Amino acid sequence: MIKNEPGVKNFWTGFLAGGTVASLVLYAFGTKNGRSGLRTLLNFSEDLDNNIHKVLAHTQPSNSKKITKNQGSILETVTTILDKIQYASKHT
């Protein structure tokens, strides 16, 4: 026979997590603000490769300092990876 231990609180943790997820889903699909937020998120994710390039362009130094060799190689690596992902997604 299994004994209930009074110190176990997994039920309430799961109950709280489930309630949180359920309320987020209800908000996302049940309200106009939630649906518009989902649309914005989907539009952003559809054009993610261009958005990442924009974000990386904004993170570069805006003053006239030269980009160090390491920063340039990181940017080239990220660009190469994004190009490979884009190529693979078009050919699958």
PDB file of N, CA and C in Angstrom:
ATOM      1  N   MET A   1       0.829  -1.166   0.000  1.00  0.00           N
ATOM      2  CA  MET A   1       0.000   0.000   0.000  1.00  0.00           C
ATOM      3  C   MET A   1       0.887   1.247   0.000  1.00  0.00           C
ATOM      4  N   ILE A   2       0.499   2.258  -0.773  1.00  0.00           N
ATOM      5  CA  ILE A   2       1.271   3.491  -0.891  1.00  0.00           C
ATOM      6  C   ILE A   2       0.766   4.496   0.145  1.00  0.00           C
ATOM      7  N   LYS A   3       1.711   5.089   0.842  1.00  0.00           N
ATOM      8  CA  LYS A   3       1.344   6.096   1.837  1.00  0.00           C
ATOM      9  C   LYS A   3       1.526   7.485   1.250  1.00  0.00           C
ATOM     10  N   ASN A   4       0.614   8.362   1.559  1.00  0.00           N
ATOM     11  CA  ASN A   4       0.739   9.757   1.154  1.00  0.00           C
ATOM     12  C   ASN A   4       1.682  10.470   2.105  1.00  0.00           C
ATOM     13  N   GLU A   5       2.626  11.166   1.542  1.00  0.00           N
ATOM     14  CA  GLU A   5       3.549  11.924   2.372  1.00  0.00           C
ATOM     15  C   GLU A   5       3.069  13.364   2.453  1.00  0.00           C
ATOM     16  N   PRO A   6       3.020  13.926   3.633  1.00  0.00           N
ATOM     17  CA  PRO A   6       2.509  15.289   3.765  1.00  0.00           C
ATOM     18  C   PRO A   6       3.438  16.347   3.171  1.00  0.00           C
ATOM     19  N   GLY A   7       4.697  16.026   2.918  1.00  0.00           N
ATOM     20  CA  GLY A   7       5.638  17.014   2.402  1.00  0.00           C
ATOM     21  C   GLY A   7       5.639  17.135   0.885  1.00  0.00           C
ATOM     22  N   VAL A   8       4.940  16.249   0.191  1.00  0.00           N
ATOM     23  CA  VAL A   8       4.945  16.268  -1.267  1.00  0.00           C
ATOM     24  C   VAL A   8       3.995  17.355  -1.755  1.00  0.00           C
ATOM     25  N   LYS A   9       4.513  18.260  -2.591  1.00  0.00           N
ATOM     26  CA  LYS A   9       3.688  19.365  -3.068  1.00  0.00           C
ATOM     27  C   LYS A   9       3.697  19.434  -4.592  1.00  0.00           C
ATOM     28  N   ASN A  10       3.916  18.321  -5.264  1.00  0.00           N
ATOM     29  CA  ASN A  10       3.947  18.304  -6.725  1.00  0.00           C
ATOM     30  C   ASN A  10       2.590  18.632  -7.326  1.00  0.00           C
ATOM     31  N   PHE A  11       1.513  18.251  -6.645  1.00  0.00           N
ATOM     32  CA  PHE A  11       0.179  18.526  -7.164  1.00  0.00           C
ATOM     33  C   PHE A  11      -0.035  20.020  -7.349  1.00  0.00           C
ATOM     34  N   TRP A  12       0.315  20.802  -6.338  1.00  0.00           N
ATOM     35  CA  TRP A  12       0.054  22.233  -6.406  1.00  0.00           C
ATOM     36  C   TRP A  12       0.965  22.929  -7.413  1.00  0.00           C
ATOM     37  N   THR A  13       2.182  22.422  -7.581  1.00  0.00           N
ATOM     38  CA  THR A  13       3.074  22.985  -8.591  1.00  0.00           C
ATOM     39  C   THR A  13       2.519  22.729  -9.982  1.00  0.00           C
ATOM     40  N   GLY A  14       2.072  21.501 -10.231  1.00  0.00           N
ATOM     41  CA  GLY A  14       1.470  21.162 -11.522  1.00  0.00           C
ATOM     42  C   GLY A  14       0.168  21.901 -11.754  1.00  0.00           C
ATOM     43  N   PHE A  15      -0.615  22.040 -10.709  1.00  0.00           N
ATOM     44  CA  PHE A  15      -1.881  22.763 -10.816  1.00  0.00           C
ATOM     45  C   PHE A  15      -1.644  24.225 -11.174  1.00  0.00           C
ATOM     46  N   LEU A  16      -0.651  24.838 -10.546  1.00  0.00           N
ATOM     47  CA  LEU A  16      -0.316  26.231 -10.830  1.00  0.00           C
ATOM     48  C   LEU A  16       0.232  26.385 -12.247  1.00  0.00           C
ATOM     49  N   ALA A  17       1.100  25.483 -12.660  1.00  0.00           N
ATOM     50  CA  ALA A  17       1.660  25.544 -14.023  1.00  0.00           C
ATOM     51  C   ALA A  17       0.562  25.354 -15.066  1.00  0.00           C
ATOM     52  N   GLY A  18      -0.328  24.399 -14.835  1.00  0.00           N
ATOM     53  CA  GLY A  18      -1.439  24.170 -15.765  1.00  0.00           C
ATOM     54  C   GLY A  18      -2.373  25.359 -15.848  1.00  0.00           C
ATOM     55  N   GLY A  19      -2.657  25.959 -14.714  1.00  0.00           N
ATOM     56  CA  GLY A  19      -3.520  27.144 -14.704  1.00  0.00           C
ATOM     57  C   GLY A  19      -2.887  28.315 -15.428  1.00  0.00           C
ATOM     58  N   THR A  20      -1.574  28.467 -15.284  1.00  0.00           N
ATOM     59  CA  THR A  20      -0.860  29.542 -15.966  1.00  0.00           C
ATOM     60  C   THR A  20      -0.887  29.339 -17.472  1.00  0.00           C
ATOM     61  N   VAL A  21      -0.606  28.121 -17.914  1.00  0.00           N
ATOM     62  CA  VAL A  21      -0.613  27.831 -19.348  1.00  0.00           C
ATOM     63  C   VAL A  21      -2.019  28.003 -19.917  1.00  0.00           C
ATOM     64  N   ALA A  22      -3.020  27.508 -19.198  1.00  0.00           N
ATOM     65  CA  ALA A  22      -4.401  27.640 -19.670  1.00  0.00           C
ATOM     66  C   ALA A  22      -4.820  29.101 -19.778  1.00  0.00           C
ATOM     67  N   SER A  23      -4.424  29.910 -18.807  1.00  0.00           N
ATOM     68  CA  SER A  23      -4.800  31.329 -18.867  1.00  0.00           C
ATOM     69  C   SER A  23      -4.076  32.042 -20.006  1.00  0.00           C
ATOM     70  N   LEU A  24      -2.820  31.692 -20.277  1.00  0.00           N
ATOM     71  CA  LEU A  24      -2.114  32.293 -21.410  1.00  0.00           C
ATOM     72  C   LEU A  24      -2.751  31.907 -22.737  1.00  0.00           C
ATOM     73  N   VAL A  25      -3.156  30.658 -22.879  1.00  0.00           N
ATOM     74  CA  VAL A  25      -3.810  30.210 -24.114  1.00  0.00           C
ATOM     75  C   VAL A  25      -5.154  30.908 -24.279  1.00  0.00           C
ATOM     76  N   LEU A  26      -5.912  31.011 -23.201  1.00  0.00           N
ATOM     77  CA  LEU A  26      -7.199  31.703 -23.276  1.00  0.00           C
ATOM     78  C   LEU A  26      -7.011  33.172 -23.654  1.00  0.00           C
ATOM     79  N   TYR A  27      -6.014  33.807 -23.101  1.00  0.00           N
ATOM     80  CA  TYR A  27      -5.754  35.208 -23.444  1.00  0.00           C
ATOM     81  C   TYR A  27      -5.333  35.336 -24.905  1.00  0.00           C
ATOM     82  N   ALA A  28      -4.439  34.439 -25.347  1.00  0.00           N
ATOM     83  CA  ALA A  28      -3.901  34.539 -26.703  1.00  0.00           C
ATOM     84  C   ALA A  28      -4.973  34.307 -27.759  1.00  0.00           C
ATOM     85  N   PHE A  29      -5.884  33.386 -27.522  1.00  0.00           N
ATOM     86  CA  PHE A  29      -6.890  33.075 -28.526  1.00  0.00           C
ATOM     87  C   PHE A  29      -8.256  33.685 -28.228  1.00  0.00           C
ATOM     88  N   GLY A  30      -8.462  34.180 -27.037  1.00  0.00           N
ATOM     89  CA  GLY A  30      -9.779  34.652 -26.651  1.00  0.00           C
ATOM     90  C   GLY A  30      -9.969  36.155 -26.666  1.00  0.00           C
ATOM     91  N   THR A  31      -8.904  36.927 -26.810  1.00  0.00           N
ATOM     92  CA  THR A  31      -9.051  38.377 -26.804  1.00  0.00           C
ATOM     93  C   THR A  31      -8.473  38.973 -28.086  1.00  0.00           C
ATOM     94  N   LYS A  32      -8.937  40.154 -28.423  1.00  0.00           N
ATOM     95  CA  LYS A  32      -8.417  40.827 -29.616  1.00  0.00           C
ATOM     96  C   LYS A  32      -6.947  41.178 -29.455  1.00  0.00           C
ATOM     97  N   ASN A  33      -6.570  41.644 -28.271  1.00  0.00           N
ATOM     98  CA  ASN A  33      -5.163  41.967 -28.031  1.00  0.00           C
ATOM     99  C   ASN A  33      -4.276  40.735 -28.141  1.00  0.00           C
ATOM    100  N   GLY A  34      -4.752  39.614 -27.637  1.00  0.00           N
ATOM    101  CA  GLY A  34      -3.978  38.382 -27.718  1.00  0.00           C
ATOM    102  C   GLY A  34      -3.812  37.913 -29.150  1.00  0.00           C
ATOM    103  N   ARG A  35      -4.891  37.971 -29.942  1.00  0.00           N
ATOM    104  CA  ARG A  35      -4.814  37.556 -31.342  1.00  0.00           C
ATOM    105  C   ARG A  35      -3.915  38.483 -32.144  1.00  0.00           C
ATOM    106  N   SER A  36      -3.976  39.782 -31.887  1.00  0.00           N
ATOM    107  CA  SER A  36      -3.095  40.693 -32.613  1.00  0.00           C
ATOM    108  C   SER A  36      -1.643  40.462 -32.211  1.00  0.00           C
ATOM    109  N   GLY A  37      -1.406  40.136 -30.957  1.00  0.00           N
ATOM    110  CA  GLY A  37      -0.055  39.806 -30.515  1.00  0.00           C
ATOM    111  C   GLY A  37       0.466  38.539 -31.193  1.00  0.00           C
ATOM    112  N   LEU A  38      -0.407  37.538 -31.340  1.00  0.00           N
ATOM    113  CA  LEU A  38      -0.018  36.318 -32.047  1.00  0.00           C
ATOM    114  C   LEU A  38       0.290  36.609 -33.514  1.00  0.00           C
ATOM    115  N   ARG A  39      -0.534  37.459 -34.145  1.00  0.00           N
ATOM    116  CA  ARG A  39      -0.284  37.836 -35.547  1.00  0.00           C
ATOM    117  C   ARG A  39       1.068  38.530 -35.686  1.00  0.00           C
ATOM    118  N   THR A  40       1.354  39.437 -34.783  1.00  0.00           N
ATOM    119  CA  THR A  40       2.636  40.137 -34.804  1.00  0.00           C
ATOM    120  C   THR A  40       3.791  39.159 -34.628  1.00  0.00           C
ATOM    121  N   LEU A  41       3.643  38.227 -33.708  1.00  0.00           N
ATOM    122  CA  LEU A  41       4.676  37.225 -33.479  1.00  0.00           C
ATOM    123  C   LEU A  41       4.870  36.334 -34.705  1.00  0.00           C
ATOM    124  N   LEU A  42       3.783  35.928 -35.344  1.00  0.00           N
ATOM    125  CA  LEU A  42       3.885  35.108 -36.549  1.00  0.00           C
ATOM    126  C   LEU A  42       4.527  35.878 -37.699  1.00  0.00           C
ATOM    127  N   ASN A  43       4.152  37.135 -37.873  1.00  0.00           N
ATOM    128  CA  ASN A  43       4.771  37.941 -38.929  1.00  0.00           C
ATOM    129  C   ASN A  43       6.265  38.123 -38.677  1.00  0.00           C
ATOM    130  N   PHE A  44       6.633  38.323 -37.427  1.00  0.00           N
ATOM    131  CA  PHE A  44       8.048  38.464 -37.096  1.00  0.00           C
ATOM    132  C   PHE A  44       8.799  37.167 -37.368  1.00  0.00           C
ATOM    133  N   SER A  45       8.196  36.029 -37.010  1.00  0.00           N
ATOM    134  CA  SER A  45       8.889  34.753 -37.183  1.00  0.00           C
ATOM    135  C   SER A  45       8.976  34.340 -38.650  1.00  0.00           C
ATOM    136  N   GLU A  46       8.028  34.757 -39.488  1.00  0.00           N
ATOM    137  CA  GLU A  46       8.084  34.429 -40.910  1.00  0.00           C
ATOM    138  C   GLU A  46       9.245  35.129 -41.595  1.00  0.00           C
ATOM    139  N   ASP A  47       9.597  36.300 -41.129  1.00  0.00           N
ATOM    140  CA  ASP A  47      10.668  37.074 -41.738  1.00  0.00           C
ATOM    141  C   ASP A  47      11.867  37.145 -40.793  1.00  0.00           C
ATOM    142  N   LEU A  48      12.136  36.041 -40.113  1.00  0.00           N
ATOM    143  CA  LEU A  48      13.121  36.033 -39.038  1.00  0.00           C
ATOM    144  C   LEU A  48      14.538  36.296 -39.532  1.00  0.00           C
ATOM    145  N   ASP A  49      14.907  35.767 -40.690  1.00  0.00           N
ATOM    146  CA  ASP A  49      16.288  35.962 -41.145  1.00  0.00           C
ATOM    147  C   ASP A  49      16.577  37.435 -41.437  1.00  0.00           C
ATOM    148  N   ASN A  50      15.630  38.142 -42.029  1.00  0.00           N
ATOM    149  CA  ASN A  50      15.831  39.575 -42.262  1.00  0.00           C
ATOM    150  C   ASN A  50      15.805  40.357 -40.952  1.00  0.00           C
ATOM    151  N   ASN A  51      14.956  39.929 -40.031  1.00  0.00           N
ATOM    152  CA  ASN A  51      14.876  40.608 -38.740  1.00  0.00           C
ATOM    153  C   ASN A  51      16.160  40.441 -37.949  1.00  0.00           C
ATOM    154  N   ILE A  52      16.782  39.270 -38.036  1.00  0.00           N
ATOM    155  CA  ILE A  52      18.040  39.054 -37.320  1.00  0.00           C
ATOM    156  C   ILE A  52      19.128  39.959 -37.889  1.00  0.00           C
ATOM    157  N   HIS A  53      19.141  40.113 -39.228  1.00  0.00           N
ATOM    158  CA  HIS A  53      20.123  41.013 -39.832  1.00  0.00           C
ATOM    159  C   HIS A  53      19.897  42.452 -39.358  1.00  0.00           C
ATOM    160  N   LYS A  54      18.638  42.860 -39.225  1.00  0.00           N
ATOM    161  CA  LYS A  54      18.345  44.206 -38.735  1.00  0.00           C
ATOM    162  C   LYS A  54      18.811  44.375 -37.291  1.00  0.00           C
ATOM    163  N   VAL A  55      18.554  43.367 -36.466  1.00  0.00           N
ATOM    164  CA  VAL A  55      18.965  43.439 -35.064  1.00  0.00           C
ATOM    165  C   VAL A  55      20.485  43.495 -34.962  1.00  0.00           C
ATOM    166  N   LEU A  56      21.167  42.676 -35.746  1.00  0.00           N
ATOM    167  CA  LEU A  56      22.628  42.693 -35.724  1.00  0.00           C
ATOM    168  C   LEU A  56      23.177  44.023 -36.230  1.00  0.00           C
ATOM    169  N   ALA A  57      22.505  44.625 -37.213  1.00  0.00           N
ATOM    170  CA  ALA A  57      22.956  45.917 -37.717  1.00  0.00           C
ATOM    171  C   ALA A  57      22.821  46.997 -36.638  1.00  0.00           C
ATOM    172  N   HIS A  58      21.776  46.896 -35.806  1.00  0.00           N
ATOM    173  CA  HIS A  58      21.577  47.889 -34.747  1.00  0.00           C
ATOM    174  C   HIS A  58      22.528  47.682 -33.584  1.00  0.00           C
ATOM    175  N   THR A  59      23.057  46.475 -33.415  1.00  0.00           N
ATOM    176  CA  THR A  59      23.948  46.226 -32.291  1.00  0.00           C
ATOM    177  C   THR A  59      25.387  46.612 -32.588  1.00  0.00           C
ATOM    178  N   GLN A  60      25.687  46.883 -33.848  1.00  0.00           N
ATOM    179  CA  GLN A  60      27.039  47.298 -34.189  1.00  0.00           C
ATOM    180  C   GLN A  60      27.259  48.725 -33.696  1.00  0.00           C
ATOM    181  N   PRO A  61      28.484  49.071 -33.413  1.00  0.00           N
ATOM    182  CA  PRO A  61      28.755  50.415 -32.903  1.00  0.00           C
ATOM    183  C   PRO A  61      28.347  51.482 -33.921  1.00  0.00           C
ATOM    184  N   SER A  62      27.679  52.514 -33.421  1.00  0.00           N
ATOM    185  CA  SER A  62      27.190  53.556 -34.312  1.00  0.00           C
ATOM    186  C   SER A  62      28.227  54.656 -34.556  1.00  0.00           C
ATOM    187  N   ASN A  63      29.257  54.703 -33.730  1.00  0.00           N
ATOM    188  CA  ASN A  63      30.271  55.729 -33.945  1.00  0.00           C
ATOM    189  C   ASN A  63      31.266  55.271 -35.012  1.00  0.00           C
ATOM    190  N   SER A  64      32.266  56.057 -35.277  1.00  0.00           N
ATOM    191  CA  SER A  64      33.164  55.793 -36.399  1.00  0.00           C
ATOM    192  C   SER A  64      34.278  54.799 -36.070  1.00  0.00           C
ATOM    193  N   LYS A  65      34.200  54.119 -34.923  1.00  0.00           N
ATOM    194  CA  LYS A  65      35.211  53.123 -34.585  1.00  0.00           C
ATOM    195  C   LYS A  65      35.141  51.957 -35.562  1.00  0.00           C
ATOM    196  N   LYS A  66      36.284  51.391 -35.854  1.00  0.00           N
ATOM    197  CA  LYS A  66      36.311  50.244 -36.740  1.00  0.00           C
ATOM    198  C   LYS A  66      35.861  49.004 -35.981  1.00  0.00           C
ATOM    199  N   ILE A  67      35.226  48.103 -36.714  1.00  0.00           N
ATOM    200  CA  ILE A  67      34.833  46.835 -36.121  1.00  0.00           C
ATOM    201  C   ILE A  67      36.091  45.990 -35.985  1.00  0.00           C
ATOM    202  N   THR A  68      36.245  45.418 -34.828  1.00  0.00           N
ATOM    203  CA  THR A  68      37.425  44.587 -34.625  1.00  0.00           C
ATOM    204  C   THR A  68      37.321  43.333 -35.476  1.00  0.00           C
ATOM    205  N   LYS A  69      38.433  42.671 -35.663  1.00  0.00           N
ATOM    206  CA  LYS A  69      38.473  41.469 -36.494  1.00  0.00           C
ATOM    207  C   LYS A  69      37.564  40.386 -35.925  1.00  0.00           C
ATOM    208  N   ASN A  70      37.528  40.268 -34.615  1.00  0.00           N
ATOM    209  CA  ASN A  70      36.703  39.246 -33.978  1.00  0.00           C
ATOM    210  C   ASN A  70      35.218  39.515 -34.200  1.00  0.00           C
ATOM    211  N   GLN A  71      34.785  40.770 -34.075  1.00  0.00           N
ATOM    212  CA  GLN A  71      33.384  41.106 -34.292  1.00  0.00           C
ATOM    213  C   GLN A  71      32.996  40.850 -35.740  1.00  0.00           C
ATOM    214  N   GLY A  72      33.862  41.170 -36.667  1.00  0.00           N
ATOM    215  CA  GLY A  72      33.566  40.933 -38.068  1.00  0.00           C
ATOM    216  C   GLY A  72      33.440  39.457 -38.371  1.00  0.00           C
ATOM    217  N   SER A  73      34.298  38.639 -37.776  1.00  0.00           N
ATOM    218  CA  SER A  73      34.226  37.205 -38.034  1.00  0.00           C
ATOM    219  C   SER A  73      32.976  36.599 -37.422  1.00  0.00           C
ATOM    220  N   ILE A  74      32.535  37.108 -36.280  1.00  0.00           N
ATOM    221  CA  ILE A  74      31.300  36.617 -35.669  1.00  0.00           C
ATOM    222  C   ILE A  74      30.114  36.955 -36.555  1.00  0.00           C
ATOM    223  N   LEU A  75      30.074  38.173 -37.066  1.00  0.00           N
ATOM    224  CA  LEU A  75      28.987  38.575 -37.943  1.00  0.00           C
ATOM    225  C   LEU A  75      28.976  37.737 -39.213  1.00  0.00           C
ATOM    226  N   GLU A  76      30.150  37.466 -39.774  1.00  0.00           N
ATOM    227  CA  GLU A  76      30.224  36.625 -40.966  1.00  0.00           C
ATOM    228  C   GLU A  76      29.770  35.202 -40.663  1.00  0.00           C
ATOM    229  N   THR A  77      30.127  34.677 -39.505  1.00  0.00           N
ATOM    230  CA  THR A  77      29.709  33.332 -39.121  1.00  0.00           C
ATOM    231  C   THR A  77      28.204  33.253 -38.978  1.00  0.00           C
ATOM    232  N   VAL A  78      27.604  34.227 -38.310  1.00  0.00           N
ATOM    233  CA  VAL A  78      26.155  34.243 -38.137  1.00  0.00           C
ATOM    234  C   VAL A  78      25.472  34.364 -39.496  1.00  0.00           C
ATOM    235  N   THR A  79      25.984  35.222 -40.358  1.00  0.00           N
ATOM    236  CA  THR A  79      25.412  35.387 -41.692  1.00  0.00           C
ATOM    237  C   THR A  79      25.513  34.089 -42.482  1.00  0.00           C
ATOM    238  N   THR A  80      26.632  33.410 -42.392  1.00  0.00           N
ATOM    239  CA  THR A  80      26.806  32.140 -43.092  1.00  0.00           C
ATOM    240  C   THR A  80      25.824  31.098 -42.584  1.00  0.00           C
ATOM    241  N   ILE A  81      25.652  31.021 -41.278  1.00  0.00           N
ATOM    242  CA  ILE A  81      24.712  30.055 -40.697  1.00  0.00           C
ATOM    243  C   ILE A  81      23.291  30.363 -41.145  1.00  0.00           C
ATOM    244  N   LEU A  82      22.909  31.637 -41.133  1.00  0.00           N
ATOM    245  CA  LEU A  82      21.560  32.011 -41.562  1.00  0.00           C
ATOM    246  C   LEU A  82      21.341  31.689 -43.033  1.00  0.00           C
ATOM    247  N   ASP A  83      22.348  31.912 -43.862  1.00  0.00           N
ATOM    248  CA  ASP A  83      22.226  31.576 -45.281  1.00  0.00           C
ATOM    249  C   ASP A  83      22.048  30.074 -45.474  1.00  0.00           C
ATOM    250  N   LYS A  84      22.773  29.274 -44.714  1.00  0.00           N
ATOM    251  CA  LYS A  84      22.639  27.820 -44.814  1.00  0.00           C
ATOM    252  C   LYS A  84      21.261  27.359 -44.362  1.00  0.00           C
ATOM    253  N   ILE A  85      20.744  27.962 -43.311  1.00  0.00           N
ATOM    254  CA  ILE A  85      19.395  27.612 -42.827  1.00  0.00           C
ATOM    255  C   ILE A  85      18.359  27.993 -43.879  1.00  0.00           C
ATOM    256  N   GLN A  86      18.504  29.159 -44.456  1.00  0.00           N
ATOM    257  CA  GLN A  86      17.565  29.604 -45.485  1.00  0.00           C
ATOM    258  C   GLN A  86      17.636  28.671 -46.706  1.00  0.00           C
ATOM    259  N   TYR A  87      18.824  28.282 -47.116  1.00  0.00           N
ATOM    260  CA  TYR A  87      18.986  27.374 -48.251  1.00  0.00           C
ATOM    261  C   TYR A  87      18.352  26.025 -47.936  1.00  0.00           C
ATOM    262  N   ALA A  88      18.580  25.498 -46.734  1.00  0.00           N
ATOM    263  CA  ALA A  88      18.038  24.212 -46.368  1.00  0.00           C
ATOM    264  C   ALA A  88      16.515  24.244 -46.280  1.00  0.00           C
ATOM    265  N   SER A  89      15.961  25.349 -45.808  1.00  0.00           N
ATOM    266  CA  SER A  89      14.508  25.433 -45.689  1.00  0.00           C
ATOM    267  C   SER A  89      13.837  25.532 -47.056  1.00  0.00           C
ATOM    268  N   LYS A  90      14.501  26.098 -48.013  1.00  0.00           N
ATOM    269  CA  LYS A  90      13.929  26.191 -49.366  1.00  0.00           C
ATOM    270  C   LYS A  90      14.013  24.866 -50.114  1.00  0.00           C
ATOM    271  N   HIS A  91      14.960  24.023 -49.764  1.00  0.00           N
ATOM    272  CA  HIS A  91      15.175  22.776 -50.503  1.00  0.00           C
ATOM    273  C   HIS A  91      14.682  21.539 -49.757  1.00  0.00           C
ATOM    274  N   THR A  92      13.853  21.732 -48.766  1.00  0.00           N
ATOM    275  CA  THR A  92      13.295  20.572 -48.068  1.00  0.00           C
ATOM    276  C   THR A  92      11.807  20.504 -48.235  1.00  0.00           C
TER     277      THR A  92
END
